[in-house]
């Protein structure tokens, strides 16, 4: 279910990036006032918009994974996450978050989840 949610989020952000790119490209093309400029501007703007949309989607996915892990840890260990551990979560890569999620279901304490942090 999480993978499906992340996939839908990614698809939405890619579409959003395309739309942003088209808008940027049209604006650039209009500034140039040339048909060729419009085409090049549209292509360049679409590339930039796709890249921006992809980056936003990746960050949104990382944040979602972080939030799911916080819920998992607070439920599993029946305690609030200390500030130092929250900082680790805030700065973590998606790979770290996945590793900690897998570890959280096998260990007996929060300290063991973050033993390598």
N, C-alpha and C. Protein backbone atom coordinates (compact mmCIF):
# COMPACT_ATOMS: atom_id res chain seq x y z
N UNK A 1 0.82 -1.19 0.00
CA UNK A 1 0.00 0.00 0.00
C UNK A 1 0.87 1.26 0.00
N UNK A 2 1.97 1.23 0.77
CA UNK A 2 2.87 2.38 0.80
C UNK A 2 3.50 2.59 -0.57
N UNK A 3 3.91 1.50 -1.23
CA UNK A 3 4.50 1.62 -2.56
C UNK A 3 3.51 2.22 -3.55
N UNK A 4 2.25 1.79 -3.45
CA UNK A 4 1.22 2.33 -4.35
C UNK A 4 1.02 3.83 -4.10
N UNK A 5 1.01 4.22 -2.82
CA UNK A 5 0.85 5.64 -2.49
C UNK A 5 2.02 6.45 -3.02
N UNK A 6 3.24 5.92 -2.85
CA UNK A 6 4.41 6.64 -3.34
C UNK A 6 4.40 6.73 -4.87
N UNK A 7 3.95 5.66 -5.53
CA UNK A 7 3.89 5.68 -7.00
C UNK A 7 2.88 6.71 -7.48
N UNK A 8 1.71 6.77 -6.83
CA UNK A 8 0.71 7.77 -7.22
C UNK A 8 1.26 9.17 -6.98
N UNK A 9 1.94 9.37 -5.85
CA UNK A 9 2.52 10.68 -5.53
C UNK A 9 3.55 11.07 -6.59
N UNK A 10 4.40 10.12 -6.98
CA UNK A 10 5.43 10.38 -7.98
C UNK A 10 4.79 10.75 -9.32
N UNK A 11 3.79 9.98 -9.75
CA UNK A 11 3.12 10.27 -11.02
C UNK A 11 2.50 11.66 -11.00
N UNK A 12 1.88 12.03 -9.89
CA UNK A 12 1.26 13.34 -9.78
C UNK A 12 2.30 14.44 -9.87
N UNK A 13 3.44 14.24 -9.20
CA UNK A 13 4.48 15.26 -9.21
C UNK A 13 5.16 15.38 -10.58
N UNK A 14 5.28 14.27 -11.30
CA UNK A 14 5.84 14.33 -12.65
C UNK A 14 4.91 15.12 -13.55
N UNK A 15 3.60 14.86 -13.46
CA UNK A 15 2.64 15.62 -14.26
C UNK A 15 2.69 17.10 -13.89
N UNK A 16 2.81 17.37 -12.61
CA UNK A 16 2.91 18.75 -12.13
C UNK A 16 4.17 19.41 -12.71
N UNK A 17 5.27 18.66 -12.74
CA UNK A 17 6.51 19.17 -13.29
C UNK A 17 6.39 19.48 -14.77
N UNK A 18 5.69 18.63 -15.52
CA UNK A 18 5.48 18.89 -16.95
C UNK A 18 4.71 20.19 -17.14
N UNK A 19 3.66 20.37 -16.35
CA UNK A 19 2.84 21.58 -16.49
C UNK A 19 3.66 22.82 -16.15
N UNK A 20 4.45 22.74 -15.08
CA UNK A 20 5.33 23.86 -14.73
C UNK A 20 6.30 24.14 -15.86
N UNK A 21 6.86 23.08 -16.44
CA UNK A 21 7.80 23.23 -17.53
C UNK A 21 7.17 23.88 -18.75
N UNK A 22 5.96 23.49 -19.09
CA UNK A 22 5.27 24.09 -20.22
C UNK A 22 5.05 25.58 -19.99
N UNK A 23 4.64 25.92 -18.77
CA UNK A 23 4.41 27.33 -18.45
C UNK A 23 5.71 28.12 -18.55
N UNK A 24 6.79 27.57 -18.00
CA UNK A 24 8.09 28.25 -18.07
C UNK A 24 8.55 28.36 -19.51
N UNK A 25 8.36 27.30 -20.30
CA UNK A 25 8.77 27.31 -21.69
C UNK A 25 7.99 28.32 -22.51
N UNK A 26 6.69 28.40 -22.29
CA UNK A 26 5.89 29.38 -23.02
C UNK A 26 6.31 30.80 -22.66
N UNK A 27 6.57 31.03 -21.39
CA UNK A 27 7.00 32.36 -20.97
C UNK A 27 8.34 32.72 -21.62
N UNK A 28 9.26 31.77 -21.65
CA UNK A 28 10.56 32.02 -22.27
C UNK A 28 10.39 32.26 -23.77
N UNK A 29 9.56 31.45 -24.42
CA UNK A 29 9.32 31.62 -25.84
C UNK A 29 8.66 32.95 -26.16
N UNK A 30 7.72 33.37 -25.34
CA UNK A 30 7.06 34.66 -25.55
C UNK A 30 8.05 35.81 -25.42
N UNK A 31 8.98 35.68 -24.47
CA UNK A 31 9.98 36.73 -24.31
C UNK A 31 10.84 36.85 -25.56
N UNK A 32 11.17 35.75 -26.17
CA UNK A 32 11.99 35.76 -27.38
C UNK A 32 11.19 36.23 -28.59
N UNK A 33 9.88 35.94 -28.57
CA UNK A 33 9.02 36.38 -29.65
C UNK A 33 9.24 35.66 -30.96
N UNK A 34 9.92 34.55 -30.96
CA UNK A 34 10.19 33.80 -32.18
C UNK A 34 9.57 32.41 -32.07
N UNK A 35 9.11 31.89 -33.20
CA UNK A 35 8.54 30.55 -33.19
C UNK A 35 9.59 29.53 -32.75
N UNK A 36 10.79 29.66 -33.26
CA UNK A 36 11.87 28.76 -32.88
C UNK A 36 12.19 28.93 -31.40
N UNK A 37 12.21 30.16 -30.95
CA UNK A 37 12.45 30.43 -29.53
C UNK A 37 11.38 29.81 -28.66
N UNK A 38 10.14 29.84 -29.13
CA UNK A 38 9.05 29.23 -28.37
C UNK A 38 9.26 27.73 -28.26
N UNK A 39 9.66 27.11 -29.35
CA UNK A 39 9.86 25.66 -29.33
C UNK A 39 11.02 25.28 -28.41
N UNK A 40 12.12 25.99 -28.56
CA UNK A 40 13.27 25.72 -27.70
C UNK A 40 12.95 26.04 -26.25
N UNK A 41 12.26 27.16 -26.05
CA UNK A 41 11.89 27.55 -24.69
C UNK A 41 10.96 26.55 -24.05
N UNK A 42 10.01 26.03 -24.84
CA UNK A 42 9.07 25.04 -24.33
C UNK A 42 9.81 23.76 -23.94
N UNK A 43 10.72 23.31 -24.79
CA UNK A 43 11.48 22.09 -24.50
C UNK A 43 12.36 22.28 -23.26
N UNK A 44 13.05 23.41 -23.20
CA UNK A 44 13.91 23.69 -22.05
C UNK A 44 13.10 23.82 -20.77
N UNK A 45 11.99 24.53 -20.86
CA UNK A 45 11.14 24.70 -19.69
C UNK A 45 10.55 23.39 -19.23
N UNK A 46 10.18 22.53 -20.18
CA UNK A 46 9.62 21.24 -19.80
C UNK A 46 10.66 20.39 -19.10
N UNK A 47 11.90 20.41 -19.58
CA UNK A 47 12.97 19.66 -18.93
C UNK A 47 13.19 20.16 -17.50
N UNK A 48 13.23 21.47 -17.34
CA UNK A 48 13.43 22.04 -16.00
C UNK A 48 12.25 21.71 -15.10
N UNK A 49 11.05 21.79 -15.65
CA UNK A 49 9.86 21.49 -14.86
C UNK A 49 9.82 20.02 -14.44
N UNK A 50 10.20 19.12 -15.35
CA UNK A 50 10.23 17.70 -15.01
C UNK A 50 11.25 17.43 -13.91
N UNK A 51 12.41 18.05 -14.03
CA UNK A 51 13.44 17.86 -13.01
C UNK A 51 12.97 18.37 -11.65
N UNK A 52 12.35 19.54 -11.67
CA UNK A 52 11.84 20.12 -10.42
C UNK A 52 10.72 19.26 -9.85
N UNK A 53 9.82 18.78 -10.71
CA UNK A 53 8.73 17.92 -10.24
C UNK A 53 9.25 16.61 -9.68
N UNK A 54 10.26 16.04 -10.32
CA UNK A 54 10.85 14.80 -9.82
C UNK A 54 11.47 15.02 -8.46
N UNK A 55 12.23 16.10 -8.30
CA UNK A 55 12.88 16.39 -7.03
C UNK A 55 11.84 16.60 -5.92
N UNK A 56 10.78 17.34 -6.23
CA UNK A 56 9.72 17.57 -5.25
C UNK A 56 9.05 16.25 -4.87
N UNK A 57 8.85 15.38 -5.86
CA UNK A 57 8.24 14.08 -5.59
C UNK A 57 9.12 13.20 -4.72
N UNK A 58 10.41 13.20 -4.99
CA UNK A 58 11.33 12.41 -4.17
C UNK A 58 11.35 12.91 -2.73
N UNK A 59 11.36 14.21 -2.55
CA UNK A 59 11.36 14.77 -1.19
C UNK A 59 10.05 14.46 -0.48
N UNK A 60 8.94 14.55 -1.21
CA UNK A 60 7.64 14.24 -0.60
C UNK A 60 7.60 12.76 -0.19
N UNK A 61 8.16 11.89 -1.02
CA UNK A 61 8.21 10.47 -0.69
C UNK A 61 9.08 10.21 0.52
N UNK A 62 10.23 10.89 0.61
CA UNK A 62 11.11 10.73 1.77
C UNK A 62 10.42 11.20 3.04
N UNK A 63 9.70 12.31 2.94
CA UNK A 63 8.98 12.84 4.10
C UNK A 63 7.87 11.88 4.54
N UNK A 64 7.18 11.29 3.56
CA UNK A 64 6.13 10.32 3.88
C UNK A 64 6.72 9.10 4.58
N UNK A 65 7.83 8.60 4.07
CA UNK A 65 8.50 7.46 4.69
C UNK A 65 8.94 7.80 6.11
N UNK A 66 9.46 9.01 6.32
CA UNK A 66 9.86 9.46 7.65
C UNK A 66 8.67 9.48 8.60
N UNK A 67 7.55 10.03 8.14
CA UNK A 67 6.35 10.12 8.98
C UNK A 67 5.81 8.73 9.34
N UNK A 68 5.84 7.81 8.40
CA UNK A 68 5.40 6.44 8.66
C UNK A 68 6.31 5.79 9.69
N UNK A 69 7.62 6.01 9.56
CA UNK A 69 8.57 5.44 10.52
C UNK A 69 8.35 6.01 11.92
N UNK A 70 8.11 7.30 12.03
CA UNK A 70 7.83 7.91 13.34
C UNK A 70 6.60 7.24 13.97
N UNK A 71 5.54 7.09 13.18
CA UNK A 71 4.33 6.42 13.70
C UNK A 71 4.63 4.99 14.13
N UNK A 72 5.39 4.27 13.32
CA UNK A 72 5.76 2.89 13.64
C UNK A 72 6.54 2.83 14.95
N UNK A 73 7.54 3.70 15.09
CA UNK A 73 8.38 3.68 16.29
C UNK A 73 7.58 4.06 17.54
N UNK A 74 6.76 5.09 17.43
CA UNK A 74 5.98 5.51 18.61
C UNK A 74 4.97 4.44 19.01
N UNK A 75 4.41 3.75 18.05
CA UNK A 75 3.47 2.67 18.36
C UNK A 75 4.20 1.44 18.89
N UNK A 76 5.27 1.06 18.22
CA UNK A 76 6.03 -0.14 18.59
C UNK A 76 6.62 -0.04 19.99
N UNK A 77 7.17 1.13 20.33
CA UNK A 77 7.85 1.28 21.60
C UNK A 77 7.04 2.08 22.61
N UNK A 78 5.81 2.45 22.25
CA UNK A 78 4.86 3.13 23.14
C UNK A 78 5.51 4.32 23.85
N UNK A 79 6.20 5.15 23.04
CA UNK A 79 6.89 6.32 23.61
C UNK A 79 7.09 7.35 22.51
N UNK A 80 7.19 8.59 22.94
CA UNK A 80 7.50 9.68 22.00
C UNK A 80 8.97 9.55 21.59
N UNK A 81 9.25 9.97 20.40
CA UNK A 81 10.63 9.92 19.89
C UNK A 81 11.41 11.11 20.47
N UNK A 82 12.54 10.86 21.15
CA UNK A 82 13.35 11.96 21.69
C UNK A 82 13.85 12.89 20.58
N UNK A 83 14.14 14.12 20.96
CA UNK A 83 14.56 15.15 19.99
C UNK A 83 15.79 14.74 19.20
N UNK A 84 16.77 14.14 19.83
CA UNK A 84 17.99 13.73 19.12
C UNK A 84 17.68 12.71 18.04
N UNK A 85 16.79 11.79 18.33
CA UNK A 85 16.41 10.78 17.34
C UNK A 85 15.57 11.40 16.22
N UNK A 86 14.75 12.38 16.55
CA UNK A 86 13.97 13.08 15.52
C UNK A 86 14.90 13.80 14.54
N UNK A 87 15.99 14.35 15.07
CA UNK A 87 16.96 15.01 14.18
C UNK A 87 17.58 14.00 13.21
N UNK A 88 17.86 12.79 13.71
CA UNK A 88 18.37 11.74 12.83
C UNK A 88 17.35 11.43 11.74
N UNK A 89 16.10 11.35 12.12
CA UNK A 89 15.04 11.06 11.15
C UNK A 89 14.90 12.18 10.13
N UNK A 90 14.99 13.42 10.60
CA UNK A 90 14.84 14.57 9.70
C UNK A 90 15.97 14.64 8.66
N UNK A 91 17.16 14.20 9.04
CA UNK A 91 18.33 14.28 8.17
C UNK A 91 18.59 13.00 7.37
N UNK A 92 17.80 11.97 7.61
CA UNK A 92 18.07 10.65 7.03
C UNK A 92 17.78 10.59 5.53
N UNK A 93 18.54 9.75 4.87
CA UNK A 93 18.28 9.45 3.47
C UNK A 93 17.15 8.42 3.40
N UNK A 94 16.53 8.27 2.25
CA UNK A 94 15.50 7.22 2.11
C UNK A 94 16.04 5.83 2.45
N UNK A 95 17.30 5.56 2.10
CA UNK A 95 17.89 4.26 2.40
C UNK A 95 18.00 4.03 3.91
N UNK A 96 18.41 5.08 4.64
CA UNK A 96 18.49 4.96 6.10
C UNK A 96 17.11 4.73 6.69
N UNK A 97 16.12 5.47 6.20
CA UNK A 97 14.76 5.33 6.73
C UNK A 97 14.24 3.91 6.51
N UNK A 98 14.51 3.34 5.33
CA UNK A 98 14.06 1.97 5.06
C UNK A 98 14.77 0.98 5.98
N UNK A 99 16.07 1.17 6.17
CA UNK A 99 16.83 0.27 7.04
C UNK A 99 16.31 0.34 8.48
N UNK A 100 16.07 1.54 8.96
CA UNK A 100 15.55 1.69 10.32
C UNK A 100 14.15 1.11 10.45
N UNK A 101 13.34 1.23 9.42
CA UNK A 101 11.99 0.65 9.45
C UNK A 101 12.07 -0.87 9.59
N UNK A 102 12.94 -1.48 8.82
CA UNK A 102 13.10 -2.94 8.89
C UNK A 102 13.63 -3.35 10.26
N UNK A 103 14.59 -2.59 10.77
CA UNK A 103 15.18 -2.92 12.07
C UNK A 103 14.16 -2.73 13.20
N UNK A 104 13.28 -1.76 13.07
CA UNK A 104 12.32 -1.43 14.14
C UNK A 104 11.42 -2.60 14.50
N UNK A 105 11.16 -3.48 13.55
CA UNK A 105 10.27 -4.60 13.86
C UNK A 105 11.01 -5.80 14.44
N UNK A 106 12.36 -5.72 14.49
CA UNK A 106 13.15 -6.84 14.99
C UNK A 106 13.82 -6.59 16.34
N UNK A 107 13.97 -5.33 16.74
CA UNK A 107 14.74 -5.02 17.95
C UNK A 107 13.80 -4.69 19.11
N UNK A 108 14.41 -4.55 20.29
CA UNK A 108 13.62 -4.34 21.50
C UNK A 108 13.65 -2.92 22.05
N UNK A 109 14.41 -2.00 21.42
CA UNK A 109 14.46 -0.64 21.95
C UNK A 109 14.72 0.36 20.83
N UNK A 110 14.38 1.61 21.10
CA UNK A 110 14.66 2.69 20.16
C UNK A 110 16.16 2.84 19.92
N UNK A 111 16.94 2.69 20.97
CA UNK A 111 18.40 2.83 20.83
C UNK A 111 18.95 1.82 19.83
N UNK A 112 18.40 0.61 19.83
CA UNK A 112 18.87 -0.39 18.88
C UNK A 112 18.49 -0.04 17.44
N UNK A 113 17.37 0.63 17.25
CA UNK A 113 16.97 1.05 15.91
C UNK A 113 18.01 1.99 15.34
N UNK A 114 18.49 2.91 16.15
CA UNK A 114 19.42 3.96 15.70
C UNK A 114 20.87 3.67 16.07
N UNK A 115 21.23 2.43 16.24
CA UNK A 115 22.58 2.09 16.73
C UNK A 115 23.68 2.59 15.81
N UNK A 116 23.42 2.79 14.52
CA UNK A 116 24.47 3.23 13.59
C UNK A 116 24.32 4.72 13.23
N UNK A 117 23.41 5.41 13.86
CA UNK A 117 23.15 6.83 13.51
C UNK A 117 24.12 7.76 14.20
